[in-house]
């Protein structure tokens, strides 16, 4: 089975596939505005250039414009970093600075907004959603056992957990004094849980029930 991947170049996307240990060039897709950040899901690629987000249909070679990375009228002293998450149900999550806060917008792979928006008082330094080890076995399952939770690291080193389904804040985890003395970087999802930079981690994190897929009953005659 061939493996396809996309190379983001200065002003184009190069499509390749690997099969039987052979690299095959497929085609180039023009990308006049370039790209500073990109995430791929299936046959689409969500891209952030210097100013805007867009979704590129890799099969049709069509680019669909989305929203600006920053909607603020006045320039900020620190550049606003783009954030893109691949979500289940063929969706992307992109973050946009409004000037007074940041909104998280869920976009389908054909460029249409879906669900509601997430609200952040400041622009997150990093966001993540955990991977699901069940996905190869159950392709139609959620993208993570932590779905529908989006975890964000804010500039004050605190962590916010949002629900993608209700667009509400489920939990806030403040940073400890030790962590506040230095700048944190990125959030990473891991199979076994989260590393939480907080002295209150034992009280902020607790076990919870998770709905599992029920297998079909087998009838023996």
Protein backbone atom coordinates (compact mmCIF):
# COMPACT_ATOMS: atom_id res chain seq x y z
CA UNK A 1 0.00 0.00 0.00
CA UNK A 2 1.56 3.34 -0.99
CA UNK A 3 2.28 6.06 1.56
CA UNK A 4 1.51 9.60 0.41
CA UNK A 5 3.01 12.77 1.85
CA UNK A 6 3.20 16.47 1.06
CA UNK A 7 6.28 18.69 0.99
CA UNK A 8 5.60 22.38 1.67
CA UNK A 9 7.90 24.48 -0.51
CA UNK A 10 8.29 28.25 -0.73
CA UNK A 11 5.45 28.80 -3.21
CA UNK A 12 4.03 25.35 -3.90
CA UNK A 13 3.09 21.97 -2.48
CA UNK A 14 4.91 18.91 -3.83
CA UNK A 15 3.00 15.61 -3.72
CA UNK A 16 4.94 12.34 -3.37
CA UNK A 17 4.20 8.69 -2.70
CA UNK A 18 6.37 5.80 -1.53
CA UNK A 19 5.69 2.24 -2.65
CA UNK A 20 8.01 -0.78 -2.70
CA UNK A 21 10.81 1.44 -1.37
CA UNK A 22 10.48 3.72 -4.40
CA UNK A 23 9.78 7.45 -4.15
CA UNK A 24 7.41 8.73 -6.83
CA UNK A 25 6.70 12.39 -7.61
CA UNK A 26 3.02 13.06 -8.31
CA UNK A 27 2.42 16.77 -8.89
CA UNK A 28 2.95 20.32 -7.68
CA UNK A 29 0.13 22.54 -6.37
CA UNK A 30 0.76 26.32 -6.58
CA UNK A 31 0.88 28.11 -3.22
CA UNK A 32 1.50 31.80 -3.98
CA UNK A 33 1.35 32.98 -0.35
CA UNK A 34 3.60 30.21 0.97
CA UNK A 35 3.06 28.52 4.34
CA UNK A 36 4.49 28.93 7.83
CA UNK A 37 2.55 26.02 9.40
CA UNK A 38 0.51 23.11 8.05
CA UNK A 39 -1.39 20.00 9.17
CA UNK A 40 -2.69 17.26 6.86
CA UNK A 41 -5.80 15.11 7.28
CA UNK A 42 -6.62 12.65 4.51
CA UNK A 43 -6.77 14.42 1.15
CA UNK A 44 -6.75 17.97 2.56
CA UNK A 45 -4.09 20.22 4.06
CA UNK A 46 -4.82 23.10 6.45
CA UNK A 47 -2.24 25.85 5.99
CA UNK A 48 -1.30 29.07 7.72
CA UNK A 49 0.68 31.63 5.75
CA UNK A 50 1.86 34.93 7.22
CA UNK A 51 -1.66 36.31 7.60
CA UNK A 52 -4.42 33.76 6.92
CA UNK A 53 -5.54 30.15 7.19
CA UNK A 54 -6.74 28.11 4.22
CA UNK A 55 -7.68 24.51 3.38
CA UNK A 56 -6.18 22.94 0.27
CA UNK A 57 -7.97 20.07 -1.48
CA UNK A 58 -4.97 18.01 -2.62
CA UNK A 59 -6.96 15.98 -5.14
CA UNK A 60 -8.65 18.95 -6.86
CA UNK A 61 -5.71 21.36 -6.26
CA UNK A 62 -8.16 23.97 -4.92
CA UNK A 63 -7.44 26.37 -2.04
CA UNK A 64 -10.31 27.49 0.22
CA UNK A 65 -9.64 30.67 2.28
CA UNK A 66 -10.65 30.57 5.95
CA UNK A 67 -10.00 33.29 8.56
CA UNK A 68 -7.06 35.59 9.45
CA UNK A 69 -4.52 34.48 12.05
CA UNK A 70 -5.01 37.90 13.65
CA UNK A 71 -8.18 39.98 13.30
CA UNK A 72 -6.82 42.84 15.45
CA UNK A 73 -6.83 46.29 13.90
CA UNK A 74 -3.65 47.35 15.69
CA UNK A 75 -0.39 45.40 15.25
CA UNK A 76 0.88 43.46 18.27
CA UNK A 77 4.47 43.79 19.57
CA UNK A 78 4.79 39.99 19.48
CA UNK A 79 3.74 38.16 16.28
CA UNK A 80 0.65 35.97 16.69
CA UNK A 81 1.56 32.33 16.14
CA UNK A 82 -0.84 30.17 14.10
CA UNK A 83 -2.30 27.02 15.67
CA UNK A 84 -3.93 24.13 13.79
CA UNK A 85 -5.30 20.88 15.25
CA UNK A 86 -6.55 17.87 13.32
CA UNK A 87 -9.85 16.77 14.89
CA UNK A 88 -12.16 13.79 14.33
CA UNK A 89 -15.05 13.83 11.85
CA UNK A 90 -12.83 15.42 9.16
CA UNK A 91 -12.43 18.70 11.04
CA UNK A 92 -9.66 21.17 11.81
CA UNK A 93 -9.41 23.59 14.74
CA UNK A 94 -7.70 26.93 14.02
CA UNK A 95 -7.04 29.79 16.45
CA UNK A 96 -7.51 33.47 15.58
CA UNK A 97 -6.52 36.50 17.70
CA UNK A 98 -9.26 39.17 17.85
CA UNK A 99 -7.34 41.92 19.64
CA UNK A 100 -8.91 41.25 23.05
CA UNK A 101 -8.77 37.46 23.08
CA UNK A 102 -8.54 34.39 20.88
CA UNK A 103 -11.27 32.29 19.31
CA UNK A 104 -10.95 28.67 18.26
CA UNK A 105 -12.95 27.88 15.13
CA UNK A 106 -13.80 24.34 13.99
CA UNK A 107 -13.64 23.95 10.21
CA UNK A 108 -14.64 20.97 8.07
CA UNK A 109 -12.22 19.68 5.45
CA UNK A 110 -14.24 21.52 2.77
CA UNK A 111 -13.78 24.86 4.54
CA UNK A 112 -17.15 25.18 6.29
CA UNK A 113 -17.42 26.29 9.95
CA UNK A 114 -18.98 23.74 12.29
CA UNK A 115 -19.84 23.42 15.99
CA UNK A 116 -19.35 26.64 18.00
CA UNK A 117 -16.20 28.59 18.89
CA UNK A 118 -13.79 28.23 21.79
CA UNK A 119 -12.95 31.38 23.77
CA UNK A 120 -9.52 32.21 25.25
CA UNK A 121 -8.68 35.39 27.21
CA UNK A 122 -5.17 35.34 25.72
CA UNK A 123 -3.55 33.69 22.73
CA UNK A 124 -2.38 30.16 23.68
CA UNK A 125 1.28 29.27 23.38
CA UNK A 126 0.33 25.69 22.50
CA UNK A 127 -2.71 23.44 22.08
CA UNK A 128 -3.07 19.69 21.79
CA UNK A 129 -5.46 16.76 21.68
CA UNK A 130 -4.33 13.26 22.57
CA UNK A 131 -3.98 10.42 20.07
CA UNK A 132 -6.18 7.35 20.23
CA UNK A 133 -4.39 3.97 20.17
CA UNK A 134 -7.74 2.40 19.17
CA UNK A 135 -8.04 4.34 15.91
CA UNK A 136 -6.33 1.74 13.63
CA UNK A 137 -8.74 -0.89 14.99
CA UNK A 138 -11.83 1.34 15.03
CA UNK A 139 -11.43 3.89 12.17
CA UNK A 140 -14.76 5.57 12.99
CA UNK A 141 -13.96 6.11 16.67
CA UNK A 142 -12.98 9.43 18.20
CA UNK A 143 -9.50 10.86 17.64
CA UNK A 144 -8.59 10.40 21.29
CA UNK A 145 -9.83 8.98 24.53
CA UNK A 146 -9.63 12.59 25.72
CA UNK A 147 -11.99 13.79 23.01
CA UNK A 148 -13.85 16.12 23.16
CA UNK A 149 -11.23 17.92 25.27
CA UNK A 150 -8.83 20.51 23.83
CA UNK A 151 -5.95 21.40 26.14
CA UNK A 152 -4.31 24.83 25.86
CA UNK A 153 -1.15 26.25 27.43
CA UNK A 154 -1.58 30.01 28.05
CA UNK A 155 1.13 32.69 28.31
CA UNK A 156 0.84 32.80 32.12
CA UNK A 157 1.83 29.08 32.18
CA UNK A 158 -1.67 28.01 33.21
CA UNK A 159 -3.55 25.24 31.41
CA UNK A 160 -7.17 25.38 30.22
CA UNK A 161 -9.23 22.36 29.19
CA UNK A 162 -12.12 23.13 26.80
CA UNK A 163 -14.88 20.86 25.56
CA UNK A 164 -15.19 20.82 21.78
CA UNK A 165 -18.79 19.67 22.05
CA UNK A 166 -20.10 22.34 24.44
CA UNK A 167 -17.38 24.99 23.84
CA UNK A 168 -17.11 25.53 27.59
CA UNK A 169 -14.11 25.57 29.91
CA UNK A 170 -14.04 22.28 31.82
CA UNK A 171 -11.01 22.97 33.98
CA UNK A 172 -8.25 25.47 34.72
CA UNK A 173 -4.90 24.36 36.12
CA UNK A 174 -2.78 27.25 37.47
CA UNK A 175 0.99 27.05 37.23
CA UNK A 176 3.02 26.54 40.40
CA UNK A 177 5.47 29.20 41.63
CA UNK A 178 8.36 27.03 40.47
CA UNK A 179 6.98 26.84 36.93
CA UNK A 180 6.19 30.56 36.83
CA UNK A 181 9.89 31.30 37.23
CA UNK A 182 10.56 30.03 33.70
CA UNK A 183 8.78 30.07 30.35
CA UNK A 184 7.13 26.85 29.24
CA UNK A 185 7.10 25.78 25.62
CA UNK A 186 4.76 23.22 24.08
CA UNK A 187 2.04 20.81 25.12
CA UNK A 188 2.38 17.25 23.90
CA UNK A 189 -0.20 14.48 24.08
CA UNK A 190 1.04 11.12 25.35
CA UNK A 191 -0.60 7.71 25.66
CA UNK A 192 -0.31 7.54 29.43
CA UNK A 193 -1.58 11.00 30.40
CA UNK A 194 -0.34 14.58 30.80
CA UNK A 195 2.60 16.19 32.56
CA UNK A 196 0.94 19.05 34.44
CA UNK A 197 3.09 22.00 35.60
CA UNK A 198 1.15 22.57 38.80
CA UNK A 199 1.60 21.89 42.50
CA UNK A 200 -2.14 21.11 42.55
CA UNK A 201 -1.89 18.28 40.02
CA UNK A 202 -3.06 15.69 42.53
CA UNK A 203 -6.31 17.60 43.10
CA UNK A 204 -6.82 18.93 39.57
CA UNK A 205 -6.52 15.57 37.82
CA UNK A 206 -8.87 12.74 38.70
CA UNK A 207 -10.13 9.51 37.19
CA UNK A 208 -13.31 9.69 35.15
CA UNK A 209 -15.52 7.17 33.38
CA UNK A 210 -15.13 6.76 29.61
CA UNK A 211 -17.71 5.34 27.22
CA UNK A 212 -16.26 2.39 25.31
CA UNK A 213 -17.45 0.77 22.10
CA UNK A 214 -19.67 -2.23 22.79
CA UNK A 215 -18.92 -5.25 20.61
CA UNK A 216 -21.75 -7.05 18.83
CA UNK A 217 -23.13 -10.12 20.57
CA UNK A 218 -22.14 -13.45 19.04
CA UNK A 219 -24.89 -16.05 18.72
CA UNK A 220 -23.80 -19.68 18.65
CA UNK A 221 -26.29 -22.16 17.20
